[in-house]
N, C-alpha and C. Protein backbone atom coordinates (compact mmCIF):
# COMPACT_ATOMS: atom_id res chain seq x y z
N UNK A 1 -12.91 -94.29 150.34
CA UNK A 1 -14.14 -93.64 150.74
C UNK A 1 -15.30 -94.22 149.96
N UNK A 2 -16.51 -94.06 150.46
CA UNK A 2 -17.71 -94.54 149.78
C UNK A 2 -18.01 -93.71 148.54
N UNK A 3 -18.76 -94.30 147.67
CA UNK A 3 -19.13 -93.62 146.42
C UNK A 3 -20.14 -92.52 146.70
N UNK A 4 -19.97 -91.40 146.05
CA UNK A 4 -20.89 -90.28 146.19
C UNK A 4 -22.06 -90.49 145.24
N UNK A 5 -23.24 -90.83 145.78
CA UNK A 5 -24.40 -91.14 144.95
C UNK A 5 -25.17 -89.90 144.53
N UNK A 6 -24.80 -88.73 145.05
CA UNK A 6 -25.53 -87.53 144.69
C UNK A 6 -25.47 -87.24 143.20
N UNK A 7 -24.42 -87.66 142.53
CA UNK A 7 -24.31 -87.38 141.10
C UNK A 7 -25.36 -88.12 140.29
N UNK A 8 -25.96 -89.15 140.84
CA UNK A 8 -26.93 -89.95 140.11
C UNK A 8 -28.37 -89.61 140.44
N UNK A 9 -28.57 -88.76 141.44
CA UNK A 9 -29.93 -88.38 141.80
C UNK A 9 -30.43 -87.35 140.81
N UNK A 10 -31.74 -87.24 140.68
CA UNK A 10 -32.22 -86.25 139.71
C UNK A 10 -31.79 -84.86 140.14
N UNK A 11 -31.16 -84.17 139.26
CA UNK A 11 -30.70 -82.83 139.54
C UNK A 11 -31.45 -81.88 138.62
N UNK A 12 -32.59 -81.36 139.07
CA UNK A 12 -33.28 -80.42 138.21
C UNK A 12 -32.41 -79.19 137.98
N UNK A 13 -32.25 -78.82 136.73
CA UNK A 13 -31.59 -77.57 136.42
C UNK A 13 -32.32 -76.93 135.26
N UNK A 14 -32.36 -75.63 135.30
CA UNK A 14 -33.16 -74.90 134.34
C UNK A 14 -32.42 -74.79 133.01
N UNK A 15 -33.15 -74.97 131.95
CA UNK A 15 -32.66 -74.81 130.60
C UNK A 15 -33.09 -73.41 130.16
N UNK A 16 -32.17 -72.65 129.57
CA UNK A 16 -32.49 -71.30 129.15
C UNK A 16 -33.62 -71.25 128.12
N UNK A 17 -33.76 -72.32 127.31
CA UNK A 17 -34.78 -72.34 126.28
C UNK A 17 -36.17 -72.56 126.84
N UNK A 18 -36.27 -73.25 127.96
CA UNK A 18 -37.58 -73.50 128.55
C UNK A 18 -37.44 -73.50 130.06
N UNK A 19 -38.55 -73.37 130.73
CA UNK A 19 -38.53 -73.32 132.19
C UNK A 19 -38.82 -74.69 132.77
N UNK A 20 -38.49 -75.75 132.04
CA UNK A 20 -38.76 -77.09 132.54
C UNK A 20 -37.48 -77.71 133.09
N UNK A 21 -37.59 -78.47 134.16
CA UNK A 21 -36.40 -79.09 134.72
C UNK A 21 -35.87 -80.21 133.84
N UNK A 22 -34.57 -80.40 133.89
CA UNK A 22 -33.93 -81.55 133.27
C UNK A 22 -33.30 -82.34 134.40
N UNK A 23 -33.07 -83.62 134.19
CA UNK A 23 -32.56 -84.48 135.23
C UNK A 23 -31.30 -85.18 134.77
N UNK A 24 -30.45 -85.52 135.72
CA UNK A 24 -29.27 -86.30 135.44
C UNK A 24 -29.52 -87.70 135.97
N UNK A 25 -29.69 -88.63 135.03
CA UNK A 25 -29.96 -90.02 135.40
C UNK A 25 -28.96 -90.89 134.66
N UNK A 26 -28.19 -91.65 135.41
CA UNK A 26 -27.15 -92.50 134.84
C UNK A 26 -27.65 -93.95 134.84
N UNK A 27 -27.64 -94.58 133.65
CA UNK A 27 -28.14 -95.95 133.52
C UNK A 27 -27.03 -96.98 133.36
N UNK A 28 -25.78 -96.56 133.43
CA UNK A 28 -24.67 -97.49 133.31
C UNK A 28 -24.25 -97.95 134.69
N UNK A 29 -23.52 -99.05 134.71
CA UNK A 29 -23.08 -99.60 135.99
C UNK A 29 -21.91 -98.80 136.53
N UNK A 30 -21.77 -98.68 137.81
CA UNK A 30 -22.66 -99.21 138.83
C UNK A 30 -23.92 -98.35 138.93
N UNK A 31 -25.05 -99.02 139.02
CA UNK A 31 -26.32 -98.31 139.14
C UNK A 31 -26.44 -97.71 140.54
N UNK A 32 -26.97 -96.52 140.59
CA UNK A 32 -27.26 -95.87 141.86
C UNK A 32 -28.31 -96.72 142.59
N UNK A 33 -28.07 -97.08 143.84
CA UNK A 33 -29.05 -97.88 144.58
C UNK A 33 -30.44 -97.24 144.65
N UNK A 34 -30.53 -95.93 144.49
CA UNK A 34 -31.81 -95.24 144.56
C UNK A 34 -32.45 -94.99 143.20
N UNK A 35 -31.83 -95.47 142.12
CA UNK A 35 -32.33 -95.19 140.77
C UNK A 35 -33.78 -95.61 140.59
N UNK A 36 -34.14 -96.80 141.04
CA UNK A 36 -35.49 -97.31 140.84
C UNK A 36 -36.41 -97.02 142.02
N UNK A 37 -35.92 -96.27 142.99
CA UNK A 37 -36.71 -95.94 144.17
C UNK A 37 -36.81 -94.43 144.33
N UNK A 38 -35.89 -93.84 145.05
CA UNK A 38 -35.97 -92.41 145.33
C UNK A 38 -35.88 -91.54 144.08
N UNK A 39 -34.99 -91.88 143.18
CA UNK A 39 -34.83 -91.09 141.95
C UNK A 39 -36.08 -91.16 141.11
N UNK A 40 -36.56 -92.37 140.85
CA UNK A 40 -37.77 -92.55 140.04
C UNK A 40 -38.97 -91.84 140.69
N UNK A 41 -39.05 -91.90 142.00
CA UNK A 41 -40.15 -91.25 142.72
C UNK A 41 -40.08 -89.72 142.55
N UNK A 42 -38.90 -89.14 142.76
CA UNK A 42 -38.76 -87.69 142.65
C UNK A 42 -39.06 -87.19 141.24
N UNK A 43 -38.56 -87.92 140.26
CA UNK A 43 -38.80 -87.53 138.87
C UNK A 43 -40.29 -87.65 138.54
N UNK A 44 -40.92 -88.72 138.99
CA UNK A 44 -42.36 -88.92 138.74
C UNK A 44 -43.16 -87.79 139.38
N UNK A 45 -42.77 -87.37 140.57
CA UNK A 45 -43.49 -86.28 141.23
C UNK A 45 -43.38 -84.98 140.44
N UNK A 46 -42.21 -84.71 139.88
CA UNK A 46 -42.04 -83.49 139.08
C UNK A 46 -42.88 -83.57 137.81
N UNK A 47 -42.82 -84.69 137.10
CA UNK A 47 -43.57 -84.83 135.85
C UNK A 47 -45.07 -84.80 136.11
N UNK A 48 -45.48 -85.28 137.27
CA UNK A 48 -46.92 -85.35 137.58
C UNK A 48 -47.55 -83.99 137.83
N UNK A 49 -46.75 -82.95 137.97
CA UNK A 49 -47.30 -81.64 138.27
C UNK A 49 -47.82 -80.90 137.03
N UNK A 50 -47.77 -81.53 135.88
CA UNK A 50 -48.27 -80.88 134.66
C UNK A 50 -49.79 -80.71 134.75
N UNK A 51 -50.32 -79.88 133.83
CA UNK A 51 -51.77 -79.71 133.85
C UNK A 51 -52.45 -81.04 133.53
N UNK A 52 -53.70 -81.16 133.93
CA UNK A 52 -54.41 -82.43 133.85
C UNK A 52 -54.68 -82.91 132.42
N UNK A 53 -54.50 -82.03 131.43
CA UNK A 53 -54.72 -82.44 130.04
C UNK A 53 -53.47 -83.01 129.38
N UNK A 54 -52.33 -82.91 130.06
CA UNK A 54 -51.07 -83.45 129.53
C UNK A 54 -50.53 -84.51 130.47
N UNK A 55 -49.68 -85.36 129.92
CA UNK A 55 -49.00 -86.40 130.70
C UNK A 55 -49.99 -87.34 131.39
N UNK A 56 -51.08 -87.63 130.73
CA UNK A 56 -52.00 -88.61 131.31
C UNK A 56 -51.29 -89.95 131.36
N UNK A 57 -51.55 -90.71 132.41
CA UNK A 57 -50.83 -91.97 132.60
C UNK A 57 -51.02 -92.92 131.42
N UNK A 58 -52.19 -92.92 130.79
CA UNK A 58 -52.38 -93.79 129.63
C UNK A 58 -51.48 -93.38 128.47
N UNK A 59 -51.24 -92.08 128.31
CA UNK A 59 -50.35 -91.61 127.25
C UNK A 59 -48.91 -92.01 127.55
N UNK A 60 -48.46 -91.80 128.78
CA UNK A 60 -47.09 -92.15 129.15
C UNK A 60 -46.88 -93.66 129.06
N UNK A 61 -47.92 -94.41 129.35
CA UNK A 61 -47.83 -95.87 129.29
C UNK A 61 -47.53 -96.34 127.87
N UNK A 62 -47.99 -95.63 126.87
CA UNK A 62 -47.70 -96.00 125.47
C UNK A 62 -46.20 -95.97 125.20
N UNK A 63 -45.52 -94.96 125.72
CA UNK A 63 -44.07 -94.87 125.54
C UNK A 63 -43.37 -95.99 126.30
N UNK A 64 -43.82 -96.23 127.51
CA UNK A 64 -43.25 -97.32 128.30
C UNK A 64 -43.46 -98.66 127.60
N UNK A 65 -44.66 -98.90 127.08
CA UNK A 65 -44.95 -100.17 126.40
C UNK A 65 -44.04 -100.37 125.19
N UNK A 66 -43.77 -99.30 124.45
CA UNK A 66 -42.87 -99.44 123.30
C UNK A 66 -41.45 -99.75 123.76
N UNK A 67 -41.04 -99.14 124.84
CA UNK A 67 -39.73 -99.43 125.40
C UNK A 67 -39.63 -100.90 125.82
N UNK A 68 -40.68 -101.42 126.43
CA UNK A 68 -40.71 -102.82 126.83
C UNK A 68 -40.59 -103.73 125.60
N UNK A 69 -41.29 -103.37 124.53
CA UNK A 69 -41.22 -104.15 123.30
C UNK A 69 -39.79 -104.24 122.79
N UNK A 70 -39.08 -103.11 122.71
CA UNK A 70 -37.71 -103.11 122.21
C UNK A 70 -36.76 -103.81 123.17
N UNK A 71 -36.98 -103.67 124.45
CA UNK A 71 -36.12 -104.34 125.43
C UNK A 71 -36.28 -105.85 125.32
N UNK A 72 -37.51 -106.32 125.11
CA UNK A 72 -37.75 -107.75 124.94
C UNK A 72 -37.05 -108.27 123.69
N UNK A 73 -37.20 -107.55 122.59
CA UNK A 73 -36.52 -107.95 121.35
C UNK A 73 -35.00 -107.98 121.51
N UNK A 74 -34.47 -106.96 122.15
CA UNK A 74 -33.01 -106.87 122.32
C UNK A 74 -32.48 -107.99 123.20
N UNK A 75 -33.23 -108.39 124.20
CA UNK A 75 -32.78 -109.48 125.05
C UNK A 75 -32.96 -110.83 124.39
N UNK A 76 -33.93 -110.96 123.50
CA UNK A 76 -34.10 -112.21 122.77
C UNK A 76 -33.05 -112.37 121.68
N UNK A 77 -32.65 -111.26 121.07
CA UNK A 77 -31.66 -111.30 120.00
C UNK A 77 -30.63 -110.18 120.19
N UNK A 78 -29.73 -110.34 121.17
CA UNK A 78 -28.75 -109.28 121.46
C UNK A 78 -27.88 -108.91 120.26
N UNK A 79 -27.64 -109.84 119.36
CA UNK A 79 -26.80 -109.55 118.19
C UNK A 79 -27.45 -108.52 117.27
N UNK A 80 -28.76 -108.34 117.37
CA UNK A 80 -29.46 -107.37 116.52
C UNK A 80 -29.64 -106.02 117.18
N UNK A 81 -29.03 -105.83 118.35
CA UNK A 81 -29.22 -104.58 119.08
C UNK A 81 -28.90 -103.36 118.22
N UNK A 82 -27.79 -103.41 117.49
CA UNK A 82 -27.41 -102.26 116.66
C UNK A 82 -28.47 -101.94 115.61
N UNK A 83 -29.19 -102.96 115.14
CA UNK A 83 -30.28 -102.73 114.19
C UNK A 83 -31.49 -102.10 114.89
N UNK A 84 -31.68 -102.43 116.15
CA UNK A 84 -32.83 -101.92 116.90
C UNK A 84 -32.63 -100.50 117.42
N UNK A 85 -31.38 -100.11 117.68
CA UNK A 85 -31.11 -98.84 118.33
C UNK A 85 -31.72 -97.63 117.61
N UNK A 86 -31.66 -97.53 116.28
CA UNK A 86 -32.31 -96.37 115.64
C UNK A 86 -33.81 -96.30 115.93
N UNK A 87 -34.47 -97.45 116.03
CA UNK A 87 -35.90 -97.48 116.31
C UNK A 87 -36.20 -97.16 117.77
N UNK A 88 -35.28 -97.55 118.64
CA UNK A 88 -35.40 -97.20 120.06
C UNK A 88 -35.29 -95.68 120.21
N UNK A 89 -34.31 -95.10 119.54
CA UNK A 89 -34.12 -93.66 119.63
C UNK A 89 -35.24 -92.89 118.93
N UNK A 90 -35.94 -93.54 117.99
CA UNK A 90 -37.05 -92.89 117.30
C UNK A 90 -38.22 -92.61 118.24
N UNK A 91 -38.22 -93.25 119.40
CA UNK A 91 -39.24 -92.95 120.41
C UNK A 91 -39.20 -91.46 120.75
N UNK A 92 -38.01 -90.84 120.67
CA UNK A 92 -37.90 -89.39 120.89
C UNK A 92 -38.76 -88.61 119.92
N UNK A 93 -38.77 -89.02 118.66
CA UNK A 93 -39.58 -88.33 117.65
C UNK A 93 -41.06 -88.49 117.96
N UNK A 94 -41.45 -89.66 118.43
CA UNK A 94 -42.84 -89.89 118.79
C UNK A 94 -43.24 -89.02 119.98
N UNK A 95 -42.31 -88.84 120.91
CA UNK A 95 -42.58 -87.97 122.06
C UNK A 95 -42.68 -86.51 121.62
N UNK A 96 -41.84 -86.10 120.69
CA UNK A 96 -41.91 -84.73 120.18
C UNK A 96 -43.25 -84.50 119.49
N UNK A 97 -43.71 -85.48 118.74
CA UNK A 97 -45.01 -85.38 118.08
C UNK A 97 -46.12 -85.26 119.12
N UNK A 98 -46.05 -86.08 120.16
CA UNK A 98 -47.05 -86.03 121.23
C UNK A 98 -47.02 -84.67 121.94
N UNK A 99 -45.83 -84.11 122.09
CA UNK A 99 -45.74 -82.78 122.70
C UNK A 99 -46.39 -81.74 121.78
N UNK A 100 -46.14 -81.86 120.49
CA UNK A 100 -46.75 -80.95 119.54
C UNK A 100 -48.27 -81.01 119.55
N UNK A 101 -48.80 -82.18 119.86
CA UNK A 101 -50.25 -82.35 119.96
C UNK A 101 -50.77 -82.03 121.36
N UNK A 102 -49.88 -81.58 122.23
CA UNK A 102 -50.20 -81.19 123.61
C UNK A 102 -50.69 -82.36 124.46
N UNK A 103 -50.14 -83.55 124.16
CA UNK A 103 -50.48 -84.74 124.95
C UNK A 103 -49.49 -84.95 126.09
N UNK A 104 -48.25 -84.49 125.89
CA UNK A 104 -47.22 -84.57 126.93
C UNK A 104 -46.55 -83.21 127.00
N UNK A 105 -45.80 -82.97 128.07
CA UNK A 105 -45.13 -81.67 128.19
C UNK A 105 -43.62 -81.82 127.98
N UNK A 106 -42.95 -80.68 127.96
CA UNK A 106 -41.51 -80.64 127.70
C UNK A 106 -40.72 -81.40 128.77
N UNK A 107 -41.14 -81.37 130.02
CA UNK A 107 -40.43 -82.08 131.09
C UNK A 107 -40.38 -83.58 130.78
N UNK A 108 -41.51 -84.14 130.38
CA UNK A 108 -41.55 -85.56 130.03
C UNK A 108 -40.64 -85.84 128.84
N UNK A 109 -40.74 -85.02 127.81
CA UNK A 109 -39.92 -85.22 126.60
C UNK A 109 -38.44 -85.15 126.94
N UNK A 110 -38.04 -84.18 127.76
CA UNK A 110 -36.63 -84.08 128.17
C UNK A 110 -36.17 -85.32 128.91
N UNK A 111 -37.00 -85.81 129.82
CA UNK A 111 -36.65 -87.01 130.59
C UNK A 111 -36.50 -88.22 129.67
N UNK A 112 -37.43 -88.38 128.76
CA UNK A 112 -37.36 -89.50 127.83
C UNK A 112 -36.11 -89.40 126.96
N UNK A 113 -35.84 -88.20 126.45
CA UNK A 113 -34.65 -88.01 125.62
C UNK A 113 -33.38 -88.35 126.38
N UNK A 114 -33.32 -87.91 127.61
CA UNK A 114 -32.11 -88.17 128.39
C UNK A 114 -31.91 -89.65 128.66
N UNK A 115 -32.96 -90.35 129.04
CA UNK A 115 -32.80 -91.77 129.34
C UNK A 115 -32.51 -92.56 128.07
N UNK A 116 -33.13 -92.22 126.96
CA UNK A 116 -32.85 -92.94 125.71
C UNK A 116 -31.43 -92.66 125.22
N UNK A 117 -30.90 -91.49 125.50
CA UNK A 117 -29.52 -91.18 125.11
C UNK A 117 -28.53 -92.06 125.87
N UNK A 118 -28.91 -92.54 127.04
CA UNK A 118 -28.04 -93.41 127.84
C UNK A 118 -28.01 -94.85 127.32
N UNK A 119 -28.95 -95.21 126.46
CA UNK A 119 -29.04 -96.59 125.95
C UNK A 119 -27.95 -96.82 124.92
N UNK A 120 -27.07 -97.78 125.23
CA UNK A 120 -25.95 -98.09 124.34
C UNK A 120 -25.84 -99.58 124.03
N UNK A 121 -26.52 -100.40 124.80
CA UNK A 121 -26.43 -101.85 124.64
C UNK A 121 -27.63 -102.48 125.33
N UNK A 122 -27.81 -103.80 125.21
CA UNK A 122 -28.98 -104.42 125.85
C UNK A 122 -29.05 -104.20 127.36
N UNK A 123 -27.91 -104.09 128.03
CA UNK A 123 -27.91 -103.90 129.48
C UNK A 123 -28.43 -102.52 129.86
N UNK A 124 -27.98 -101.49 129.14
CA UNK A 124 -28.46 -100.15 129.47
C UNK A 124 -29.92 -99.99 129.04
N UNK A 125 -30.33 -100.72 128.01
CA UNK A 125 -31.75 -100.70 127.63
C UNK A 125 -32.60 -101.32 128.73
N UNK A 126 -32.12 -102.40 129.33
CA UNK A 126 -32.84 -103.01 130.44
C UNK A 126 -32.91 -102.05 131.63
N UNK A 127 -31.82 -101.38 131.93
CA UNK A 127 -31.83 -100.40 133.03
C UNK A 127 -32.81 -99.27 132.73
N UNK A 128 -32.86 -98.84 131.48
CA UNK A 128 -33.80 -97.79 131.06
C UNK A 128 -35.23 -98.27 131.26
N UNK A 129 -35.50 -99.48 130.81
CA UNK A 129 -36.85 -100.03 130.95
C UNK A 129 -37.24 -100.15 132.43
N UNK A 130 -36.32 -100.59 133.26
CA UNK A 130 -36.60 -100.73 134.69
C UNK A 130 -36.82 -99.37 135.35
N UNK A 131 -36.05 -98.36 134.92
CA UNK A 131 -36.27 -97.01 135.44
C UNK A 131 -37.68 -96.55 135.11
N UNK A 132 -38.10 -96.75 133.84
CA UNK A 132 -39.43 -96.31 133.44
C UNK A 132 -40.53 -97.13 134.11
N UNK A 133 -40.25 -98.38 134.40
CA UNK A 133 -41.22 -99.20 135.13
C UNK A 133 -41.44 -98.61 136.52
N UNK A 134 -40.35 -98.28 137.20
CA UNK A 134 -40.45 -97.67 138.53
C UNK A 134 -41.12 -96.31 138.43
N UNK A 135 -40.71 -95.52 137.45
CA UNK A 135 -41.30 -94.20 137.23
C UNK A 135 -42.82 -94.31 137.09
N UNK A 136 -43.28 -95.25 136.25
CA UNK A 136 -44.72 -95.39 136.00
C UNK A 136 -45.49 -95.72 137.28
N UNK A 137 -44.92 -96.57 138.11
CA UNK A 137 -45.58 -96.89 139.38
C UNK A 137 -45.71 -95.67 140.27
N UNK A 138 -44.62 -94.94 140.42
CA UNK A 138 -44.67 -93.73 141.25
C UNK A 138 -45.52 -92.63 140.60
N UNK A 139 -45.50 -92.56 139.28
CA UNK A 139 -46.30 -91.56 138.58
C UNK A 139 -47.78 -91.80 138.81
N UNK A 140 -48.18 -93.04 138.70
CA UNK A 140 -49.59 -93.38 138.90
C UNK A 140 -50.02 -92.99 140.32
N UNK A 141 -49.15 -93.24 141.29
CA UNK A 141 -49.46 -92.87 142.67
C UNK A 141 -49.55 -91.34 142.82
N UNK A 142 -48.63 -90.61 142.21
CA UNK A 142 -48.61 -89.16 142.35
C UNK A 142 -49.73 -88.49 141.58
N UNK A 143 -50.03 -89.00 140.41
CA UNK A 143 -51.00 -88.34 139.52
C UNK A 143 -52.44 -88.76 139.81
N UNK A 144 -52.66 -90.01 140.03
CA UNK A 144 -53.98 -90.58 140.32
C UNK A 144 -55.04 -90.16 139.30
N UNK A 145 -54.69 -90.30 137.99
CA UNK A 145 -55.71 -90.03 136.97
C UNK A 145 -56.07 -91.27 136.19
């Protein structure tokens, strides 16, 4: 039978601690054919519904740009990936700080945490970066700020 791709689509589910959706996004192979299209679009639409003072595209772009920086380094020197991983995961702390300053919301922080948790090697880092690249394109279209 064919593979059931529903498990890889964003599945918003409520967290008892907050009323923000969380998503299930798998960055390991085989990649869901809709990961960089339908999934990224749906997630971007959800994140874009925040109030206009949070999740501004320029703020989200800073996180994406840092991810690109680490992905470039990891692909240039794959043997150093294990040295880079703590700094890649530290992006979560930067997102938490931005949330504390009311620059981003919990939905964005949850999404970032989940995708960074999937990063285990240079290949999953590349998939993470590509997901965020697609997300940013759809986010800009949905948010238009």
